[in-house]
């Protein structure tokens, strides 16, 4: 794979596949990988954290930014997705009617439909459809959904007691470690 293909390769990964598998590299074809050098060559932004020997590469797509973190020696660590796209024209959380009328809106990498994950209700419907059990943690104005893959989806409270997806954090630790950490944070906040 040449450097020009890196951003396109990430764009082929659907958000639905990502939240089920846990990490971007697990969603790539068997013969593909993304190295530190390839990520650096195509990233829209690059951050170096000298003290911790980390490099973070950001790739901007319609509706979201994909972040990949490597150690400076080239070891892949983890990834996350910042979601900033909106469905519909409401300027806030999409209504059910907007979600239905924009069901083909391509708002993220691959064949993803941001509407599939955008609200608490939509992720619950997705989980039911694929037979997945979700765990929820309340943290003030944030609700965090823990997936069986150890991925977390972070929803912020919006108007009228609705919730909107703002971040997807890929698996970095085991699901048990993430559950324990989220439980501790939720207990401390509530």
C-alpha atoms as a PDB file:
ATOM      1  CA  UNK A   1       0.000   0.000   0.000  1.00  0.00           C
ATOM      2  CA  UNK A   2       1.375   3.404  -0.890  1.00  0.00           C
ATOM      3  CA  UNK A   3       1.026   6.495   1.231  1.00  0.00           C
ATOM      4  CA  UNK A   4      -1.696   7.992  -0.983  1.00  0.00           C
ATOM      5  CA  UNK A   5      -4.019   5.113  -0.143  1.00  0.00           C
ATOM      6  CA  UNK A   6      -3.963   5.550   3.641  1.00  0.00           C
ATOM      7  CA  UNK A   7      -6.713   8.146   3.960  1.00  0.00           C
ATOM      8  CA  UNK A   8      -8.855   6.329   1.389  1.00  0.00           C
ATOM      9  CA  UNK A   9      -8.353   3.018   3.196  1.00  0.00           C
ATOM     10  CA  UNK A  10      -9.561   4.502   6.485  1.00  0.00           C
ATOM     11  CA  UNK A  11     -12.542   5.944   4.611  1.00  0.00           C
ATOM     12  CA  UNK A  12     -13.639   2.424   3.575  1.00  0.00           C
ATOM     13  CA  UNK A  13     -14.190   1.368   7.202  1.00  0.00           C
ATOM     14  CA  UNK A  14     -17.785   1.716   8.332  1.00  0.00           C
ATOM     15  CA  UNK A  15     -18.534   3.111  11.771  1.00  0.00           C
ATOM     16  CA  UNK A  16     -20.815   0.151  12.423  1.00  0.00           C
ATOM     17  CA  UNK A  17     -17.978  -2.305  11.756  1.00  0.00           C
ATOM     18  CA  UNK A  18     -15.575  -0.231  13.852  1.00  0.00           C
ATOM     19  CA  UNK A  19     -17.770  -0.209  16.972  1.00  0.00           C
ATOM     20  CA  UNK A  20     -18.226  -3.972  16.692  1.00  0.00           C
ATOM     21  CA  UNK A  21     -14.559  -4.873  16.089  1.00  0.00           C
ATOM     22  CA  UNK A  22     -12.946  -2.320  18.404  1.00  0.00           C
ATOM     23  CA  UNK A  23      -9.973  -0.882  16.516  1.00  0.00           C
ATOM     24  CA  UNK A  24      -9.339   0.474  13.045  1.00  0.00           C
ATOM     25  CA  UNK A  25      -6.597  -2.088  12.213  1.00  0.00           C
ATOM     26  CA  UNK A  26      -9.072  -4.912  12.936  1.00  0.00           C
ATOM     27  CA  UNK A  27     -11.377  -3.483  10.263  1.00  0.00           C
ATOM     28  CA  UNK A  28      -8.761  -3.420   7.495  1.00  0.00           C
ATOM     29  CA  UNK A  29      -8.454  -6.115   4.841  1.00  0.00           C
ATOM     30  CA  UNK A  30      -6.108  -8.935   5.917  1.00  0.00           C
ATOM     31  CA  UNK A  31      -3.309  -7.752   3.625  1.00  0.00           C
ATOM     32  CA  UNK A  32      -3.497  -4.083   4.659  1.00  0.00           C
ATOM     33  CA  UNK A  33      -1.973  -2.146   7.507  1.00  0.00           C
ATOM     34  CA  UNK A  34      -1.336   1.486   8.295  1.00  0.00           C
ATOM     35  CA  UNK A  35       2.124   2.338   9.539  1.00  0.00           C
ATOM     36  CA  UNK A  36       3.269   5.455  11.365  1.00  0.00           C
ATOM     37  CA  UNK A  37       4.999   6.686   8.186  1.00  0.00           C
ATOM     38  CA  UNK A  38       1.912   6.139   6.045  1.00  0.00           C
ATOM     39  CA  UNK A  39      -0.330   7.885   8.567  1.00  0.00           C
ATOM     40  CA  UNK A  40       2.060  10.826   8.796  1.00  0.00           C
ATOM     41  CA  UNK A  41       2.158  11.195   5.004  1.00  0.00           C
ATOM     42  CA  UNK A  42      -1.600  11.661   4.644  1.00  0.00           C
ATOM     43  CA  UNK A  43      -2.816  13.041   7.967  1.00  0.00           C
ATOM     44  CA  UNK A  44      -4.685  16.326   7.950  1.00  0.00           C
ATOM     45  CA  UNK A  45      -3.084  17.124  11.323  1.00  0.00           C
ATOM     46  CA  UNK A  46      -0.119  15.687  13.220  1.00  0.00           C
ATOM     47  CA  UNK A  47       0.615  16.131  16.925  1.00  0.00           C
ATOM     48  CA  UNK A  48       3.777  14.974  18.618  1.00  0.00           C
ATOM     49  CA  UNK A  49       3.859  14.486  22.372  1.00  0.00           C
ATOM     50  CA  UNK A  50       7.595  14.306  23.045  1.00  0.00           C
ATOM     51  CA  UNK A  51       7.322  13.643  26.778  1.00  0.00           C
ATOM     52  CA  UNK A  52       5.223  10.513  26.212  1.00  0.00           C
ATOM     53  CA  UNK A  53       6.873   9.586  22.876  1.00  0.00           C
ATOM     54  CA  UNK A  54       3.530   9.648  21.024  1.00  0.00           C
ATOM     55  CA  UNK A  55       2.380  10.838  17.624  1.00  0.00           C
ATOM     56  CA  UNK A  56      -1.287  11.455  16.903  1.00  0.00           C
ATOM     57  CA  UNK A  57      -2.572  11.658  13.348  1.00  0.00           C
ATOM     58  CA  UNK A  58      -5.972  13.130  12.462  1.00  0.00           C
ATOM     59  CA  UNK A  59      -7.899  12.473   9.271  1.00  0.00           C
ATOM     60  CA  UNK A  60     -10.870  14.700   8.480  1.00  0.00           C
ATOM     61  CA  UNK A  61     -13.972  13.258   6.833  1.00  0.00           C
ATOM     62  CA  UNK A  62     -17.517  14.488   6.343  1.00  0.00           C
ATOM     63  CA  UNK A  63     -19.061  14.563   9.822  1.00  0.00           C
ATOM     64  CA  UNK A  64     -16.094  13.298  11.819  1.00  0.00           C
ATOM     65  CA  UNK A  65     -12.354  13.255  12.449  1.00  0.00           C
ATOM     66  CA  UNK A  66     -10.496   9.966  12.863  1.00  0.00           C
ATOM     67  CA  UNK A  67      -7.524  10.043  15.265  1.00  0.00           C
ATOM     68  CA  UNK A  68      -4.796   7.385  15.316  1.00  0.00           C
ATOM     69  CA  UNK A  69      -2.153   7.274  18.067  1.00  0.00           C
ATOM     70  CA  UNK A  70       1.243   5.629  17.623  1.00  0.00           C
ATOM     71  CA  UNK A  71       4.320   5.452  19.774  1.00  0.00           C
ATOM     72  CA  UNK A  72       7.202   7.257  18.072  1.00  0.00           C
ATOM     73  CA  UNK A  73       8.885   3.883  17.477  1.00  0.00           C
ATOM     74  CA  UNK A  74       5.978   2.993  15.149  1.00  0.00           C
ATOM     75  CA  UNK A  75       3.892   0.867  17.542  1.00  0.00           C
ATOM     76  CA  UNK A  76       0.162   1.397  17.012  1.00  0.00           C
ATOM     77  CA  UNK A  77      -1.647   2.184  20.288  1.00  0.00           C
ATOM     78  CA  UNK A  78      -5.271   3.233  19.818  1.00  0.00           C
ATOM     79  CA  UNK A  79      -7.749   5.287  17.843  1.00  0.00           C
ATOM     80  CA  UNK A  80     -10.839   7.417  18.317  1.00  0.00           C
ATOM     81  CA  UNK A  81     -13.375   9.340  16.278  1.00  0.00           C
ATOM     82  CA  UNK A  82     -14.601  12.841  17.077  1.00  0.00           C
ATOM     83  CA  UNK A  83     -18.119  13.256  15.706  1.00  0.00           C
ATOM     84  CA  UNK A  84     -19.137  16.768  14.820  1.00  0.00           C
ATOM     85  CA  UNK A  85     -21.555  16.232  11.917  1.00  0.00           C
ATOM     86  CA  UNK A  86     -25.237  16.934  12.104  1.00  0.00           C
ATOM     87  CA  UNK A  87     -28.111  15.105  10.496  1.00  0.00           C
ATOM     88  CA  UNK A  88     -30.747  17.381   9.020  1.00  0.00           C
ATOM     89  CA  UNK A  89     -30.920  21.136   9.277  1.00  0.00           C
ATOM     90  CA  UNK A  90     -32.062  21.523  12.868  1.00  0.00           C
ATOM     91  CA  UNK A  91     -28.678  22.663  14.151  1.00  0.00           C
ATOM     92  CA  UNK A  92     -29.196  20.271  17.038  1.00  0.00           C
ATOM     93  CA  UNK A  93     -30.182  16.694  17.555  1.00  0.00           C
ATOM     94  CA  UNK A  94     -32.006  15.217  14.594  1.00  0.00           C
ATOM     95  CA  UNK A  95     -35.676  14.495  14.886  1.00  0.00           C
ATOM     96  CA  UNK A  96     -36.935  11.009  14.024  1.00  0.00           C
ATOM     97  CA  UNK A  97     -38.351  12.455  10.782  1.00  0.00           C
ATOM     98  CA  UNK A  98     -34.936  13.916   9.853  1.00  0.00           C
ATOM     99  CA  UNK A  99     -33.243  10.593  10.598  1.00  0.00           C
ATOM    100  CA  UNK A 100     -35.695   8.803   8.310  1.00  0.00           C
ATOM    101  CA  UNK A 101     -35.391  11.360   5.500  1.00  0.00           C
ATOM    102  CA  UNK A 102     -31.588  11.335   5.754  1.00  0.00           C
ATOM    103  CA  UNK A 103     -31.176   7.589   6.199  1.00  0.00           C
ATOM    104  CA  UNK A 104     -28.792   7.500   3.248  1.00  0.00           C
ATOM    105  CA  UNK A 105     -26.644  10.376   4.535  1.00  0.00           C
ATOM    106  CA  UNK A 106     -22.996   9.336   4.298  1.00  0.00           C
ATOM    107  CA  UNK A 107     -21.496  11.181   7.243  1.00  0.00           C
ATOM    108  CA  UNK A 108     -18.404   9.255   8.108  1.00  0.00           C
ATOM    109  CA  UNK A 109     -15.876   6.763   6.943  1.00  0.00           C
ATOM    110  CA  UNK A 110     -16.930   3.999   4.608  1.00  0.00           C
ATOM    111  CA  UNK A 111     -20.538   3.108   4.021  1.00  0.00           C
ATOM    112  CA  UNK A 112     -21.524   4.357   7.455  1.00  0.00           C
ATOM    113  CA  UNK A 113     -24.686   6.137   8.220  1.00  0.00           C
ATOM    114  CA  UNK A 114     -24.014   8.491  11.111  1.00  0.00           C
ATOM    115  CA  UNK A 115     -27.712   8.240  11.920  1.00  0.00           C
ATOM    116  CA  UNK A 116     -27.137   4.578  12.912  1.00  0.00           C
ATOM    117  CA  UNK A 117     -25.074   5.664  15.920  1.00  0.00           C
ATOM    118  CA  UNK A 118     -25.997   9.330  16.366  1.00  0.00           C
ATOM    119  CA  UNK A 119     -28.561   9.085  19.161  1.00  0.00           C
ATOM    120  CA  UNK A 120     -29.075   6.848  22.169  1.00  0.00           C
ATOM    121  CA  UNK A 121     -32.227   5.508  20.532  1.00  0.00           C
ATOM    122  CA  UNK A 122     -30.509   4.763  17.236  1.00  0.00           C
ATOM    123  CA  UNK A 123     -27.589   2.858  18.819  1.00  0.00           C
ATOM    124  CA  UNK A 124     -30.076   0.828  20.858  1.00  0.00           C
ATOM    125  CA  UNK A 125     -31.946  -0.058  17.656  1.00  0.00           C
ATOM    126  CA  UNK A 126     -28.671  -0.998  15.955  1.00  0.00           C
ATOM    127  CA  UNK A 127     -27.649  -3.182  18.922  1.00  0.00           C
ATOM    128  CA  UNK A 128     -30.999  -4.981  18.879  1.00  0.00           C
ATOM    129  CA  UNK A 129     -30.695  -5.559  15.136  1.00  0.00           C
ATOM    130  CA  UNK A 130     -27.257  -7.211  15.446  1.00  0.00           C
ATOM    131  CA  UNK A 131     -27.983  -8.958  18.768  1.00  0.00           C
ATOM    132  CA  UNK A 132     -25.562  -6.922  20.874  1.00  0.00           C
ATOM    133  CA  UNK A 133     -25.859  -6.087  24.577  1.00  0.00           C
ATOM    134  CA  UNK A 134     -24.951  -2.518  25.546  1.00  0.00           C
ATOM    135  CA  UNK A 135     -23.945  -1.181  28.970  1.00  0.00           C
ATOM    136  CA  UNK A 136     -24.702   2.434  29.928  1.00  0.00           C
ATOM    137  CA  UNK A 137     -22.981   4.780  32.365  1.00  0.00           C
ATOM    138  CA  UNK A 138     -24.463   8.130  33.446  1.00  0.00           C
ATOM    139  CA  UNK A 139     -21.950  10.913  34.092  1.00  0.00           C
ATOM    140  CA  UNK A 140     -23.833  14.155  34.549  1.00  0.00           C
ATOM    141  CA  UNK A 141     -24.435  15.634  31.085  1.00  0.00           C
ATOM    142  CA  UNK A 142     -22.772  12.638  29.429  1.00  0.00           C
ATOM    143  CA  UNK A 143     -23.984   9.091  28.793  1.00  0.00           C
ATOM    144  CA  UNK A 144     -21.359   6.538  27.843  1.00  0.00           C
ATOM    145  CA  UNK A 145     -22.250   3.340  26.025  1.00  0.00           C
ATOM    146  CA  UNK A 146     -19.837   0.429  26.461  1.00  0.00           C
ATOM    147  CA  UNK A 147     -19.896  -2.007  23.555  1.00  0.00           C
ATOM    148  CA  UNK A 148     -18.887  -5.690  23.907  1.00  0.00           C
ATOM    149  CA  UNK A 149     -15.787  -4.792  21.830  1.00  0.00           C
ATOM    150  CA  UNK A 150     -14.624  -2.360  24.598  1.00  0.00           C
ATOM    151  CA  UNK A 151     -15.413   0.601  22.319  1.00  0.00           C
ATOM    152  CA  UNK A 152     -17.161   3.475  24.092  1.00  0.00           C
ATOM    153  CA  UNK A 153     -19.655   5.851  22.519  1.00  0.00           C
ATOM    154  CA  UNK A 154     -19.956   9.207  24.268  1.00  0.00           C
ATOM    155  CA  UNK A 155     -23.267  11.092  24.100  1.00  0.00           C
ATOM    156  CA  UNK A 156     -23.782  14.624  25.409  1.00  0.00           C
ATOM    157  CA  UNK A 157     -27.117  15.860  26.712  1.00  0.00           C
ATOM    158  CA  UNK A 158     -28.915  18.168  24.322  1.00  0.00           C
ATOM    159  CA  UNK A 159     -32.218  20.002  24.522  1.00  0.00           C
ATOM    160  CA  UNK A 160     -35.372  18.264  25.721  1.00  0.00           C
ATOM    161  CA  UNK A 161     -33.547  15.369  27.379  1.00  0.00           C
ATOM    162  CA  UNK A 162     -32.072  14.021  24.136  1.00  0.00           C
ATOM    163  CA  UNK A 163     -28.496  12.808  23.630  1.00  0.00           C
ATOM    164  CA  UNK A 164     -26.086  13.249  20.703  1.00  0.00           C
ATOM    165  CA  UNK A 165     -22.982  11.252  19.829  1.00  0.00           C
ATOM    166  CA  UNK A 166     -19.789  13.327  20.082  1.00  0.00           C
ATOM    167  CA  UNK A 167     -17.000  10.744  20.384  1.00  0.00           C
ATOM    168  CA  UNK A 168     -16.246   7.097  19.717  1.00  0.00           C
ATOM    169  CA  UNK A 169     -13.229   5.750  21.600  1.00  0.00           C
ATOM    170  CA  UNK A 170     -11.703   2.580  20.201  1.00  0.00           C
ATOM    171  CA  UNK A 171     -10.730  -0.346  22.389  1.00  0.00           C
ATOM    172  CA  UNK A 172      -7.479   0.212  24.264  1.00  0.00           C
ATOM    173  CA  UNK A 173      -8.050  -1.949  27.335  1.00  0.00           C
ATOM    174  CA  UNK A 174     -10.199  -4.995  28.008  1.00  0.00           C
ATOM    175  CA  UNK A 175     -13.949  -4.572  28.317  1.00  0.00           C
ATOM    176  CA  UNK A 176     -13.675  -5.443  32.040  1.00  0.00           C
ATOM    177  CA  UNK A 177     -11.064  -2.728  32.640  1.00  0.00           C
ATOM    178  CA  UNK A 178     -13.135  -0.162  30.747  1.00  0.00           C
ATOM    179  CA  UNK A 179     -16.296  -1.172  32.657  1.00  0.00           C
ATOM    180  CA  UNK A 180     -14.481  -0.796  35.988  1.00  0.00           C
ATOM    181  CA  UNK A 181     -13.099   2.611  35.035  1.00  0.00           C
ATOM    182  CA  UNK A 182     -16.470   3.885  33.789  1.00  0.00           C
ATOM    183  CA  UNK A 183     -18.212   2.586  36.928  1.00  0.00           C
ATOM    184  CA  UNK A 184     -15.724   4.416  39.149  1.00  0.00           C
ATOM    185  CA  UNK A 185     -16.147   7.667  37.237  1.00  0.00           C
ATOM    186  CA  UNK A 186     -19.953   7.384  37.197  1.00  0.00           C
ATOM    187  CA  UNK A 187     -20.063   6.628  40.949  1.00  0.00           C
ATOM    188  CA  UNK A 188     -17.845   9.627  41.701  1.00  0.00           C
ATOM    189  CA  UNK A 189     -20.013  11.952  39.597  1.00  0.00           C
ATOM    190  CA  UNK A 190     -23.426  10.777  40.783  1.00  0.00           C
END
